[in-house]
Amino acid sequence: MLMPLERLRAILELLFREGVLVAEKDPRPRRCHPALPGVPNLEVLRAMASLRARRLVRQTFAWRHFYWYLTDAGVAHLRRYLRLPPDIVPLSLQRARPPHGPPRPAGAPRGTRDARGTDG
């Protein structure tokens, strides 16, 4: 399917940034994708079908929605296509960081109770 390169690039950038992409099974040409303003849902479906045929994404389907997940080969291909440095990775491949808070000393009490265990 022919589509403007700006739209294809927007689809691929979103896929690489998130690592996953969701689209409703709705091939009406005038319906836009909710995460990509101005990009018809049909173009998202066709672009992802192309990537799936080359085994760059893995597809699942549930309740009228397609879910696409980037494979390792897909990450490498999109990194070359979008000209991204190797230190940028999709959000789905990043590890969750522990919450940042002030470190507590090793023997400090947790609450307002004193050493005897009573409120004081």
PDB file of N, CA and C in Angstrom:
ATOM      1  N   MET A   1       0.850  -1.175   0.000  1.00  0.00           N
ATOM      2  CA  MET A   1       0.000   0.000   0.000  1.00  0.00           C
ATOM      3  C   MET A   1       0.894   1.235   0.000  1.00  0.00           C
ATOM      4  N   LEU A   2       0.590   2.153  -0.865  1.00  0.00           N
ATOM      5  CA  LEU A   2       1.342   3.392  -0.912  1.00  0.00           C
ATOM      6  C   LEU A   2       0.879   4.323   0.200  1.00  0.00           C
ATOM      7  N   MET A   3       1.848   4.892   0.908  1.00  0.00           N
ATOM      8  CA  MET A   3       1.534   5.875   1.944  1.00  0.00           C
ATOM      9  C   MET A   3       2.686   6.861   2.024  1.00  0.00           C
ATOM     10  N   PRO A   4       2.402   8.085   2.450  1.00  0.00           N
ATOM     11  CA  PRO A   4       3.474   9.070   2.576  1.00  0.00           C
ATOM     12  C   PRO A   4       4.532   8.605   3.580  1.00  0.00           C
ATOM     13  N   LEU A   5       5.788   8.912   3.300  1.00  0.00           N
ATOM     14  CA  LEU A   5       6.877   8.488   4.164  1.00  0.00           C
ATOM     15  C   LEU A   5       6.782   9.086   5.561  1.00  0.00           C
ATOM     16  N   GLU A   6       6.180  10.276   5.683  1.00  0.00           N
ATOM     17  CA  GLU A   6       6.039  10.886   7.009  1.00  0.00           C
ATOM     18  C   GLU A   6       5.158  10.022   7.904  1.00  0.00           C
ATOM     19  N   ARG A   7       4.090   9.471   7.334  1.00  0.00           N
ATOM     20  CA  ARG A   7       3.189   8.617   8.117  1.00  0.00           C
ATOM     21  C   ARG A   7       3.858   7.297   8.480  1.00  0.00           C
ATOM     22  N   LEU A   8       4.564   6.707   7.513  1.00  0.00           N
ATOM     23  CA  LEU A   8       5.270   5.457   7.795  1.00  0.00           C
ATOM     24  C   LEU A   8       6.316   5.677   8.871  1.00  0.00           C
ATOM     25  N   ARG A   9       7.035   6.777   8.784  1.00  0.00           N
ATOM     26  CA  ARG A   9       8.062   7.081   9.789  1.00  0.00           C
ATOM     27  C   ARG A   9       7.429   7.297  11.169  1.00  0.00           C
ATOM     28  N   ALA A  10       6.266   7.949  11.224  1.00  0.00           N
ATOM     29  CA  ALA A  10       5.579   8.152  12.504  1.00  0.00           C
ATOM     30  C   ALA A  10       5.162   6.812  13.119  1.00  0.00           C
ATOM     31  N   ILE A  11       4.673   5.901  12.280  1.00  0.00           N
ATOM     32  CA  ILE A  11       4.283   4.573  12.764  1.00  0.00           C
ATOM     33  C   ILE A  11       5.496   3.835  13.314  1.00  0.00           C
ATOM     34  N   LEU A  12       6.594   3.841  12.564  1.00  0.00           N
ATOM     35  CA  LEU A  12       7.788   3.120  12.982  1.00  0.00           C
ATOM     36  C   LEU A  12       8.442   3.749  14.210  1.00  0.00           C
ATOM     37  N   GLU A  13       8.403   5.071  14.315  1.00  0.00           N
ATOM     38  CA  GLU A  13       8.959   5.731  15.506  1.00  0.00           C
ATOM     39  C   GLU A  13       8.169   5.370  16.750  1.00  0.00           C
ATOM     40  N   LEU A  14       6.841   5.340  16.648  1.00  0.00           N
ATOM     41  CA  LEU A  14       6.021   4.955  17.793  1.00  0.00           C
ATOM     42  C   LEU A  14       6.284   3.502  18.174  1.00  0.00           C
ATOM     43  N   LEU A  15       6.373   2.637  17.192  1.00  0.00           N
ATOM     44  CA  LEU A  15       6.658   1.231  17.460  1.00  0.00           C
ATOM     45  C   LEU A  15       8.007   1.071  18.145  1.00  0.00           C
ATOM     46  N   PHE A  16       9.026   1.780  17.677  1.00  0.00           N
ATOM     47  CA  PHE A  16      10.344   1.647  18.296  1.00  0.00           C
ATOM     48  C   PHE A  16      10.371   2.260  19.691  1.00  0.00           C
ATOM     49  N   ARG A  17       9.711   3.393  19.869  1.00  0.00           N
ATOM     50  CA  ARG A  17       9.719   4.057  21.173  1.00  0.00           C
ATOM     51  C   ARG A  17       9.063   3.191  22.245  1.00  0.00           C
ATOM     52  N   GLU A  18       7.907   2.608  21.922  1.00  0.00           N
ATOM     53  CA  GLU A  18       7.164   1.817  22.899  1.00  0.00           C
ATOM     54  C   GLU A  18       7.587   0.350  22.917  1.00  0.00           C
ATOM     55  N   GLY A  19       7.958  -0.180  21.761  1.00  0.00           N
ATOM     56  CA  GLY A  19       8.288  -1.596  21.666  1.00  0.00           C
ATOM     57  C   GLY A  19       7.080  -2.450  21.343  1.00  0.00           C
ATOM     58  N   VAL A  20       5.906  -1.900  21.509  1.00  0.00           N
ATOM     59  CA  VAL A  20       4.647  -2.587  21.189  1.00  0.00           C
ATOM     60  C   VAL A  20       3.722  -1.590  20.495  1.00  0.00           C
ATOM     61  N   LEU A  21       2.755  -2.120  19.752  1.00  0.00           N
ATOM     62  CA  LEU A  21       1.781  -1.267  19.085  1.00  0.00           C
ATOM     63  C   LEU A  21       0.448  -1.984  19.089  1.00  0.00           C
ATOM     64  N   VAL A  22      -0.623  -1.237  19.323  1.00  0.00           N
ATOM     65  CA  VAL A  22      -1.978  -1.783  19.373  1.00  0.00           C
ATOM     66  C   VAL A  22      -2.819  -1.046  18.342  1.00  0.00           C
ATOM     67  N   ALA A  23      -3.636  -1.808  17.608  1.00  0.00           N
ATOM     68  CA  ALA A  23      -4.563  -1.197  16.658  1.00  0.00           C
ATOM     69  C   ALA A  23      -5.827  -2.032  16.610  1.00  0.00           C
ATOM     70  N   GLU A  24      -6.950  -1.352  16.543  1.00  0.00           N
ATOM     71  CA  GLU A  24      -8.234  -2.038  16.430  1.00  0.00           C
ATOM     72  C   GLU A  24      -8.396  -2.598  15.022  1.00  0.00           C
ATOM     73  N   LYS A  25      -9.048  -3.742  14.915  1.00  0.00           N
ATOM     74  CA  LYS A  25      -9.310  -4.333  13.605  1.00  0.00           C
ATOM     75  C   LYS A  25     -10.467  -3.568  12.981  1.00  0.00           C
ATOM     76  N   ASP A  26     -10.133  -2.437  12.395  1.00  0.00           N
ATOM     77  CA  ASP A  26     -11.121  -1.562  11.770  1.00  0.00           C
ATOM     78  C   ASP A  26     -10.491  -0.992  10.504  1.00  0.00           C
ATOM     79  N   PRO A  27     -10.718  -1.628   9.350  1.00  0.00           N
ATOM     80  CA  PRO A  27     -10.046  -1.183   8.136  1.00  0.00           C
ATOM     81  C   PRO A  27     -10.719  -0.022   7.415  1.00  0.00           C
ATOM     82  N   ARG A  28     -11.636   0.691   8.062  1.00  0.00           N
ATOM     83  CA  ARG A  28     -12.252   1.840   7.392  1.00  0.00           C
ATOM     84  C   ARG A  28     -11.186   2.895   7.118  1.00  0.00           C
ATOM     85  N   PRO A  29     -11.095   3.384   5.900  1.00  0.00           N
ATOM     86  CA  PRO A  29      -9.979   4.262   5.545  1.00  0.00           C
ATOM     87  C   PRO A  29      -9.998   5.629   6.219  1.00  0.00           C
ATOM     88  N   ARG A  30     -11.118   6.112   6.664  1.00  0.00           N
ATOM     89  CA  ARG A  30     -11.177   7.455   7.247  1.00  0.00           C
ATOM     90  C   ARG A  30     -10.936   7.458   8.764  1.00  0.00           C
ATOM     91  N   ARG A  31     -10.907   6.309   9.368  1.00  0.00           N
ATOM     92  CA  ARG A  31     -10.728   6.232  10.821  1.00  0.00           C
ATOM     93  C   ARG A  31      -9.248   6.364  11.179  1.00  0.00           C
ATOM     94  N   CYS A  32      -8.897   7.322  12.036  1.00  0.00           N
ATOM     95  CA  CYS A  32      -7.506   7.561  12.422  1.00  0.00           C
ATOM     96  C   CYS A  32      -7.122   6.718  13.629  1.00  0.00           C
ATOM     97  N   HIS A  33      -5.843   6.402  13.703  1.00  0.00           N
ATOM     98  CA  HIS A  33      -5.310   5.656  14.840  1.00  0.00           C
ATOM     99  C   HIS A  33      -5.268   6.586  16.052  1.00  0.00           C
ATOM    100  N   PRO A  34      -5.682   6.121  17.243  1.00  0.00           N
ATOM    101  CA  PRO A  34      -5.742   7.026  18.408  1.00  0.00           C
ATOM    102  C   PRO A  34      -4.383   7.551  18.869  1.00  0.00           C
ATOM    103  N   ALA A  35      -3.316   6.794  18.703  1.00  0.00           N
ATOM    104  CA  ALA A  35      -2.005   7.249  19.169  1.00  0.00           C
ATOM    105  C   ALA A  35      -1.251   8.051  18.115  1.00  0.00           C
ATOM    106  N   LEU A  36      -1.740   8.011  16.878  1.00  0.00           N
ATOM    107  CA  LEU A  36      -1.074   8.715  15.780  1.00  0.00           C
ATOM    108  C   LEU A  36      -2.073   9.631  15.086  1.00  0.00           C
ATOM    109  N   PRO A  37      -2.198  10.874  15.501  1.00  0.00           N
ATOM    110  CA  PRO A  37      -3.164  11.772  14.864  1.00  0.00           C
ATOM    111  C   PRO A  37      -2.806  12.014  13.408  1.00  0.00           C
ATOM    112  N   GLY A  38      -3.810  11.903  12.551  1.00  0.00           N
ATOM    113  CA  GLY A  38      -3.610  12.123  11.134  1.00  0.00           C
ATOM    114  C   GLY A  38      -3.180  10.892  10.359  1.00  0.00           C
ATOM    115  N   VAL A  39      -2.970   9.771  11.040  1.00  0.00           N
ATOM    116  CA  VAL A  39      -2.572   8.531  10.369  1.00  0.00           C
ATOM    117  C   VAL A  39      -3.761   7.578  10.402  1.00  0.00           C
ATOM    118  N   PRO A  40      -4.276   7.196   9.242  1.00  0.00           N
ATOM    119  CA  PRO A  40      -5.415   6.267   9.225  1.00  0.00           C
ATOM    120  C   PRO A  40      -5.047   4.900   9.806  1.00  0.00           C
ATOM    121  N   ASN A  41      -6.007   4.285  10.466  1.00  0.00           N
ATOM    122  CA  ASN A  41      -5.799   2.982  11.077  1.00  0.00           C
ATOM    123  C   ASN A  41      -5.453   1.930  10.026  1.00  0.00           C
ATOM    124  N   LEU A  42      -5.999   2.072   8.828  1.00  0.00           N
ATOM    125  CA  LEU A  42      -5.712   1.137   7.748  1.00  0.00           C
ATOM    126  C   LEU A  42      -4.227   1.142   7.389  1.00  0.00           C
ATOM    127  N   GLU A  43      -3.602   2.314   7.391  1.00  0.00           N
ATOM    128  CA  GLU A  43      -2.176   2.396   7.083  1.00  0.00           C
ATOM    129  C   GLU A  43      -1.337   1.744   8.172  1.00  0.00           C
ATOM    130  N   VAL A  44      -1.770   1.860   9.425  1.00  0.00           N
ATOM    131  CA  VAL A  44      -1.063   1.185  10.518  1.00  0.00           C
ATOM    132  C   VAL A  44      -1.160  -0.329  10.327  1.00  0.00           C
ATOM    133  N   LEU A  45      -2.345  -0.823   9.998  1.00  0.00           N
ATOM    134  CA  LEU A  45      -2.528  -2.261   9.789  1.00  0.00           C
ATOM    135  C   LEU A  45      -1.643  -2.767   8.655  1.00  0.00           C
ATOM    136  N   ARG A  46      -1.573  -2.032   7.561  1.00  0.00           N
ATOM    137  CA  ARG A  46      -0.793  -2.472   6.408  1.00  0.00           C
ATOM    138  C   ARG A  46       0.718  -2.374   6.668  1.00  0.00           C
ATOM    139  N   ALA A  47       1.159  -1.340   7.354  1.00  0.00           N
ATOM    140  CA  ALA A  47       2.584  -1.215   7.665  1.00  0.00           C
ATOM    141  C   ALA A  47       3.027  -2.347   8.592  1.00  0.00           C
ATOM    142  N   MET A  48       2.185  -2.684   9.553  1.00  0.00           N
ATOM    143  CA  MET A  48       2.540  -3.757  10.482  1.00  0.00           C
ATOM    144  C   MET A  48       2.459  -5.119   9.798  1.00  0.00           C
ATOM    145  N   ALA A  49       1.568  -5.291   8.833  1.00  0.00           N
ATOM    146  CA  ALA A  49       1.510  -6.544   8.071  1.00  0.00           C
ATOM    147  C   ALA A  49       2.806  -6.733   7.281  1.00  0.00           C
ATOM    148  N   SER A  50       3.357  -5.647   6.768  1.00  0.00           N
ATOM    149  CA  SER A  50       4.622  -5.719   6.052  1.00  0.00           C
ATOM    150  C   SER A  50       5.757  -6.134   6.988  1.00  0.00           C
ATOM    151  N   LEU A  51       5.797  -5.553   8.171  1.00  0.00           N
ATOM    152  CA  LEU A  51       6.835  -5.919   9.140  1.00  0.00           C
ATOM    153  C   LEU A  51       6.655  -7.356   9.625  1.00  0.00           C
ATOM    154  N   ARG A  52       5.420  -7.784   9.759  1.00  0.00           N
ATOM    155  CA  ARG A  52       5.151  -9.156  10.202  1.00  0.00           C
ATOM    156  C   ARG A  52       5.594 -10.166   9.148  1.00  0.00           C
ATOM    157  N   ALA A  53       5.407  -9.840   7.861  1.00  0.00           N
ATOM    158  CA  ALA A  53       5.832 -10.739   6.793  1.00  0.00           C
ATOM    159  C   ALA A  53       7.350 -10.921   6.784  1.00  0.00           C
ATOM    160  N   ARG A  54       8.070  -9.908   7.232  1.00  0.00           N
ATOM    161  CA  ARG A  54       9.532 -10.002   7.304  1.00  0.00           C
ATOM    162  C   ARG A  54      10.007 -10.492   8.671  1.00  0.00           C
ATOM    163  N   ARG A  55       9.064 -10.888   9.531  1.00  0.00           N
ATOM    164  CA  ARG A  55       9.336 -11.408  10.883  1.00  0.00           C
ATOM    165  C   ARG A  55      10.100 -10.416  11.758  1.00  0.00           C
ATOM    166  N   LEU A  56       9.750  -9.138  11.616  1.00  0.00           N
ATOM    167  CA  LEU A  56      10.348  -8.104  12.451  1.00  0.00           C
ATOM    168  C   LEU A  56       9.472  -7.797  13.657  1.00  0.00           C
ATOM    169  N   VAL A  57       8.207  -8.210  13.605  1.00  0.00           N
ATOM    170  CA  VAL A  57       7.294  -8.080  14.738  1.00  0.00           C
ATOM    171  C   VAL A  57       6.562  -9.406  14.927  1.00  0.00           C
ATOM    172  N   ARG A  58       6.087  -9.619  16.146  1.00  0.00           N
ATOM    173  CA  ARG A  58       5.263 -10.773  16.487  1.00  0.00           C
ATOM    174  C   ARG A  58       3.856 -10.252  16.721  1.00  0.00           C
ATOM    175  N   GLN A  59       2.861 -10.913  16.169  1.00  0.00           N
ATOM    176  CA  GLN A  59       1.480 -10.421  16.228  1.00  0.00           C
ATOM    177  C   GLN A  59       0.603 -11.355  17.042  1.00  0.00           C
ATOM    178  N   THR A  60      -0.262 -10.769  17.869  1.00  0.00           N
ATOM    179  CA  THR A  60      -1.333 -11.504  18.533  1.00  0.00           C
ATOM    180  C   THR A  60      -2.627 -10.744  18.293  1.00  0.00           C
ATOM    181  N   PHE A  61      -3.729 -11.433  18.443  1.00  0.00           N
ATOM    182  CA  PHE A  61      -5.035 -10.835  18.197  1.00  0.00           C
ATOM    183  C   PHE A  61      -5.980 -11.251  19.305  1.00  0.00           C
ATOM    184  N   ALA A  62      -6.680 -10.288  19.870  1.00  0.00           N
ATOM    185  CA  ALA A  62      -7.663 -10.577  20.909  1.00  0.00           C
ATOM    186  C   ALA A  62      -8.706  -9.472  20.937  1.00  0.00           C
ATOM    187  N   TRP A  63      -9.956  -9.866  20.936  1.00  0.00           N
ATOM    188  CA  TRP A  63     -11.076  -8.942  21.099  1.00  0.00           C
ATOM    189  C   TRP A  63     -11.017  -7.763  20.144  1.00  0.00           C
ATOM    190  N   ARG A  64     -10.900  -8.044  18.859  1.00  0.00           N
ATOM    191  CA  ARG A  64     -10.896  -7.045  17.799  1.00  0.00           C
ATOM    192  C   ARG A  64      -9.695  -6.096  17.834  1.00  0.00           C
ATOM    193  N   HIS A  65      -8.625  -6.469  18.500  1.00  0.00           N
ATOM    194  CA  HIS A  65      -7.427  -5.646  18.548  1.00  0.00           C
ATOM    195  C   HIS A  65      -6.212  -6.481  18.161  1.00  0.00           C
ATOM    196  N   PHE A  66      -5.359  -5.886  17.340  1.00  0.00           N
ATOM    197  CA  PHE A  66      -4.078  -6.486  17.000  1.00  0.00           C
ATOM    198  C   PHE A  66      -3.036  -5.931  17.965  1.00  0.00           C
ATOM    199  N   TYR A  67      -2.126  -6.787  18.392  1.00  0.00           N
ATOM    200  CA  TYR A  67      -1.002  -6.397  19.244  1.00  0.00           C
ATOM    201  C   TYR A  67       0.270  -6.844  18.538  1.00  0.00           C
ATOM    202  N   TRP A  68       1.197  -5.919  18.337  1.00  0.00           N
ATOM    203  CA  TRP A  68       2.458  -6.244  17.697  1.00  0.00           C
ATOM    204  C   TRP A  68       3.592  -5.958  18.665  1.00  0.00           C
ATOM    205  N   TYR A  69       4.534  -6.887  18.753  1.00  0.00           N
ATOM    206  CA  TYR A  69       5.692  -6.784  19.630  1.00  0.00           C
ATOM    207  C   TYR A  69       6.948  -6.855  18.779  1.00  0.00           C
ATOM    208  N   LEU A  70       7.891  -5.966  19.006  1.00  0.00           N
ATOM    209  CA  LEU A  70       9.139  -5.972  18.257  1.00  0.00           C
ATOM    210  C   LEU A  70       9.986  -7.186  18.621  1.00  0.00           C
ATOM    211  N   THR A  71      10.566  -7.816  17.629  1.00  0.00           N
ATOM    212  CA  THR A  71      11.538  -8.882  17.862  1.00  0.00           C
ATOM    213  C   THR A  71      12.932  -8.247  17.900  1.00  0.00           C
ATOM    214  N   ASP A  72      13.935  -9.036  18.240  1.00  0.00           N
ATOM    215  CA  ASP A  72      15.301  -8.515  18.260  1.00  0.00           C
ATOM    216  C   ASP A  72      15.737  -8.079  16.865  1.00  0.00           C
ATOM    217  N   ALA A  73      15.343  -8.854  15.846  1.00  0.00           N
ATOM    218  CA  ALA A  73      15.668  -8.464  14.473  1.00  0.00           C
ATOM    219  C   ALA A  73      14.946  -7.167  14.102  1.00  0.00           C
ATOM    220  N   GLY A  74      13.718  -6.986  14.608  1.00  0.00           N
ATOM    221  CA  GLY A  74      12.970  -5.759  14.343  1.00  0.00           C
ATOM    222  C   GLY A  74      13.615  -4.546  14.981  1.00  0.00           C
ATOM    223  N   VAL A  75      14.135  -4.716  16.195  1.00  0.00           N
ATOM    224  CA  VAL A  75      14.823  -3.604  16.867  1.00  0.00           C
ATOM    225  C   VAL A  75      16.047  -3.202  16.056  1.00  0.00           C
ATOM    226  N   ALA A  76      16.815  -4.179  15.596  1.00  0.00           N
ATOM    227  CA  ALA A  76      18.017  -3.875  14.813  1.00  0.00           C
ATOM    228  C   ALA A  76      17.643  -3.202  13.488  1.00  0.00           C
ATOM    229  N   HIS A  77      16.596  -3.699  12.830  1.00  0.00           N
ATOM    230  CA  HIS A  77      16.183  -3.113  11.547  1.00  0.00           C
ATOM    231  C   HIS A  77      15.694  -1.675  11.723  1.00  0.00           C
ATOM    232  N   LEU A  78      14.847  -1.439  12.724  1.00  0.00           N
ATOM    233  CA  LEU A  78      14.335  -0.079  12.933  1.00  0.00           C
ATOM    234  C   LEU A  78      15.434   0.865  13.384  1.00  0.00           C
ATOM    235  N   ARG A  79      16.400   0.363  14.129  1.00  0.00           N
ATOM    236  CA  ARG A  79      17.515   1.215  14.539  1.00  0.00           C
ATOM    237  C   ARG A  79      18.305   1.684  13.305  1.00  0.00           C
ATOM    238  N   ARG A  80      18.503   0.787  12.340  1.00  0.00           N
ATOM    239  CA  ARG A  80      19.185   1.180  11.102  1.00  0.00           C
ATOM    240  C   ARG A  80      18.307   2.116  10.269  1.00  0.00           C
ATOM    241  N   TYR A  81      17.022   1.776  10.133  1.00  0.00           N
ATOM    242  CA  TYR A  81      16.117   2.567   9.293  1.00  0.00           C
ATOM    243  C   TYR A  81      15.923   3.982   9.838  1.00  0.00           C
ATOM    244  N   LEU A  82      15.768   4.105  11.149  1.00  0.00           N
ATOM    245  CA  LEU A  82      15.535   5.410  11.768  1.00  0.00           C
ATOM    246  C   LEU A  82      16.829   6.132  12.127  1.00  0.00           C
ATOM    247  N   ARG A  83      17.969   5.484  11.878  1.00  0.00           N
ATOM    248  CA  ARG A  83      19.296   6.048  12.172  1.00  0.00           C
ATOM    249  C   ARG A  83      19.432   6.450  13.637  1.00  0.00           C
ATOM    250  N   LEU A  84      19.199   5.485  14.509  1.00  0.00           N
ATOM    251  CA  LEU A  84      19.285   5.718  15.952  1.00  0.00           C
ATOM    252  C   LEU A  84      20.574   5.120  16.499  1.00  0.00           C
ATOM    253  N   PRO A  85      21.146   5.732  17.543  1.00  0.00           N
ATOM    254  CA  PRO A  85      22.356   5.150  18.142  1.00  0.00           C
ATOM    255  C   PRO A  85      22.018   3.866  18.903  1.00  0.00           C
ATOM    256  N   PRO A  86      23.017   3.016  19.128  1.00  0.00           N
ATOM    257  CA  PRO A  86      22.744   1.722  19.772  1.00  0.00           C
ATOM    258  C   PRO A  86      22.339   1.815  21.242  1.00  0.00           C
ATOM    259  N   ASP A  87      22.547   2.956  21.894  1.00  0.00           N
ATOM    260  CA  ASP A  87      22.183   3.048  23.312  1.00  0.00           C
ATOM    261  C   ASP A  87      20.698   3.334  23.528  1.00  0.00           C
ATOM    262  N   ILE A  88      19.961   3.670  22.481  1.00  0.00           N
ATOM    263  CA  ILE A  88      18.518   3.904  22.607  1.00  0.00           C
ATOM    264  C   ILE A  88      17.797   2.578  22.389  1.00  0.00           C
ATOM    265  N   VAL A  89      16.967   2.199  23.373  1.00  0.00           N
ATOM    266  CA  VAL A  89      16.216   0.940  23.277  1.00  0.00           C
ATOM    267  C   VAL A  89      14.739   1.229  23.517  1.00  0.00           C
ATOM    268  N   PRO A  90      13.839   0.377  23.018  1.00  0.00           N
ATOM    269  CA  PRO A  90      12.404   0.568  23.255  1.00  0.00           C
ATOM    270  C   PRO A  90      12.061   0.461  24.746  1.00  0.00           C
ATOM    271  N   LEU A  91      10.956   1.097  25.134  1.00  0.00           N
ATOM    272  CA  LEU A  91      10.528   1.074  26.537  1.00  0.00           C
ATOM    273  C   LEU A  91      10.235  -0.337  27.024  1.00  0.00           C
ATOM    274  N   SER A  92       9.769  -1.211  26.141  1.00  0.00           N
ATOM    275  CA  SER A  92       9.442  -2.568  26.573  1.00  0.00           C
ATOM    276  C   SER A  92      10.688  -3.390  26.893  1.00  0.00           C
ATOM    277  N   LEU A  93      11.859  -2.949  26.444  1.00  0.00           N
ATOM    278  CA  LEU A  93      13.088  -3.671  26.734  1.00  0.00           C
ATOM    279  C   LEU A  93      13.895  -3.053  27.870  1.00  0.00           C
ATOM    280  N   GLN A  94      13.468  -1.906  28.364  1.00  0.00           N
ATOM    281  CA  GLN A  94      14.182  -1.270  29.472  1.00  0.00           C
ATOM    282  C   GLN A  94      13.753  -1.904  30.784  1.00  0.00           C
ATOM    283  N   ARG A  95      14.695  -2.017  31.692  1.00  0.00           N
ATOM    284  CA  ARG A  95      14.373  -2.557  33.016  1.00  0.00           C
ATOM    285  C   ARG A  95      13.714  -1.486  33.865  1.00  0.00           C
ATOM    286  N   ALA A  96      12.819  -1.925  34.725  1.00  0.00           N
ATOM    287  CA  ALA A  96      12.156  -0.986  35.632  1.00  0.00           C
ATOM    288  C   ALA A  96      13.165  -0.520  36.672  1.00  0.00           C
ATOM    289  N   ARG A  97      13.168   0.756  36.909  1.00  0.00           N
ATOM    290  CA  ARG A  97      14.094   1.318  37.889  1.00  0.00           C
ATOM    291  C   ARG A  97      13.434   1.335  39.259  1.00  0.00           C
ATOM    292  N   PRO A  98      14.211   1.081  40.315  1.00  0.00           N
ATOM    293  CA  PRO A  98      13.627   1.154  41.654  1.00  0.00           C
ATOM    294  C   PRO A  98      13.264   2.598  41.987  1.00  0.00           C
ATOM    295  N   PRO A  99      12.236   2.801  42.801  1.00  0.00           N
ATOM    296  CA  PRO A  99      11.848   4.178  43.154  1.00  0.00           C
ATOM    297  C   PRO A  99      12.970   4.875  43.896  1.00  0.00           C
ATOM    298  N   HIS A 100      13.141   6.144  43.559  1.00  0.00           N
ATOM    299  CA  HIS A 100      14.203   6.925  44.198  1.00  0.00           C
ATOM    300  C   HIS A 100      13.654   7.579  45.452  1.00  0.00           C
ATOM    301  N   GLY A 101      14.347   7.409  46.531  1.00  0.00           N
ATOM    302  CA  GLY A 101      13.977   8.030  47.789  1.00  0.00           C
ATOM    303  C   GLY A 101      15.231   8.192  48.625  1.00  0.00           C
ATOM    304  N   PRO A 102      15.155   8.965  49.670  1.00  0.00           N
ATOM    305  CA  PRO A 102      16.351   9.123  50.495  1.00  0.00           C
ATOM    306  C   PRO A 102      16.679   7.794  51.181  1.00  0.00           C
ATOM    307  N   PRO A 103      17.939   7.409  51.185  1.00  0.00           N
ATOM    308  CA  PRO A 103      18.305   6.147  51.835  1.00  0.00           C
ATOM    309  C   PRO A 103      18.120   6.243  53.344  1.00  0.00           C
ATOM    310  N   ARG A 104      17.581   5.170  53.902  1.00  0.00           N
ATOM    311  CA  ARG A 104      17.362   5.120  55.342  1.00  0.00           C
ATOM    312  C   ARG A 104      18.573   4.510  56.018  1.00  0.00           C
ATOM    313  N   PRO A 105      19.034   5.062  57.132  1.00  0.00           N
ATOM    314  CA  PRO A 105      20.149   4.444  57.859  1.00  0.00           C
ATOM    315  C   PRO A 105      19.775   3.031  58.304  1.00  0.00           C
ATOM    316  N   ALA A 106      20.771   2.193  58.481  1.00  0.00           N
ATOM    317  CA  ALA A 106      20.552   0.771  58.753  1.00  0.00           C
ATOM    318  C   ALA A 106      19.824   0.511  60.066  1.00  0.00           C
ATOM    319  N   GLY A 107      19.937   1.289  61.070  1.00  0.00           N
ATOM    320  CA  GLY A 107      19.290   1.003  62.352  1.00  0.00           C
ATOM    321  C   GLY A 107      18.146   1.940  62.680  1.00  0.00           C
ATOM    322  N   ALA A 108      17.714   2.753  61.746  1.00  0.00           N
ATOM    323  CA  ALA A 108      16.693   3.768  62.018  1.00  0.00           C
ATOM    324  C   ALA A 108      15.320   3.116  62.164  1.00  0.00           C
ATOM    325  N   PRO A 109      14.512   3.621  63.109  1.00  0.00           N
ATOM    326  CA  PRO A 109      13.154   3.088  63.255  1.00  0.00           C
ATOM    327  C   PRO A 109      12.285   3.492  62.071  1.00  0.00           C
ATOM    328  N   ARG A 110      11.271   2.677  61.790  1.00  0.00           N
ATOM    329  CA  ARG A 110      10.417   2.935  60.631  1.00  0.00           C
ATOM    330  C   ARG A 110       9.312   3.939  60.922  1.00  0.00           C
ATOM    331  N   GLY A 111       8.762   3.929  62.087  1.00  0.00           N
ATOM    332  CA  GLY A 111       7.628   4.790  62.387  1.00  0.00           C
ATOM    333  C   GLY A 111       7.956   5.781  63.492  1.00  0.00           C
ATOM    334  N   THR A 112       6.897   6.179  64.219  1.00  0.00           N
ATOM    335  CA  THR A 112       7.081   7.149  65.302  1.00  0.00           C
ATOM    336  C   THR A 112       7.167   6.463  66.660  1.00  0.00           C
ATOM    337  N   ARG A 113       7.219   5.145  66.700  1.00  0.00           N
ATOM    338  CA  ARG A 113       7.272   4.439  67.977  1.00  0.00           C
ATOM    339  C   ARG A 113       8.677   4.505  68.561  1.00  0.00           C
ATOM    340  N   ASP A 114       8.740   4.473  69.873  1.00  0.00           N
ATOM    341  CA  ASP A 114      10.045   4.491  70.509  1.00  0.00           C
ATOM    342  C   ASP A 114      10.605   3.062  70.621  1.00  0.00           C
ATOM    343  N   ALA A 115      11.720   2.889  71.291  1.00  0.00           N
ATOM    344  CA  ALA A 115      12.401   1.608  71.362  1.00  0.00           C
ATOM    345  C   ALA A 115      11.572   0.544  72.068  1.00  0.00           C
ATOM    346  N   ARG A 116      10.650   0.951  72.992  1.00  0.00           N
ATOM    347  CA  ARG A 116       9.831  -0.026  73.723  1.00  0.00           C
ATOM    348  C   ARG A 116       8.643  -0.497  72.894  1.00  0.00           C
ATOM    349  N   GLY A 117       8.390   0.140  71.739  1.00  0.00           N
ATOM    350  CA  GLY A 117       7.278  -0.269  70.895  1.00  0.00           C
ATOM    351  C   GLY A 117       5.992   0.432  71.210  1.00  0.00           C
ATOM    352  N   THR A 118       6.006   1.487  72.009  1.00  0.00           N
ATOM    353  CA  THR A 118       4.786   2.226  72.321  1.00  0.00           C
ATOM    354  C   THR A 118       4.851   3.591  71.646  1.00  0.00           C
ATOM    355  N   ASP A 119       3.689   4.146  71.410  1.00  0.00           N
ATOM    356  CA  ASP A 119       3.642   5.490  70.838  1.00  0.00           C
ATOM    357  C   ASP A 119       4.014   6.470  71.929  1.00  0.00           C
ATOM    358  N   GLY A 120       4.830   7.392  71.610  1.00  0.00           N
ATOM    359  CA  GLY A 120       5.250   8.256  72.699  1.00  0.00           C
ATOM    360  C   GLY A 120       5.490   9.572  72.298  1.00  0.00           C
TER     361      GLY A 120
END
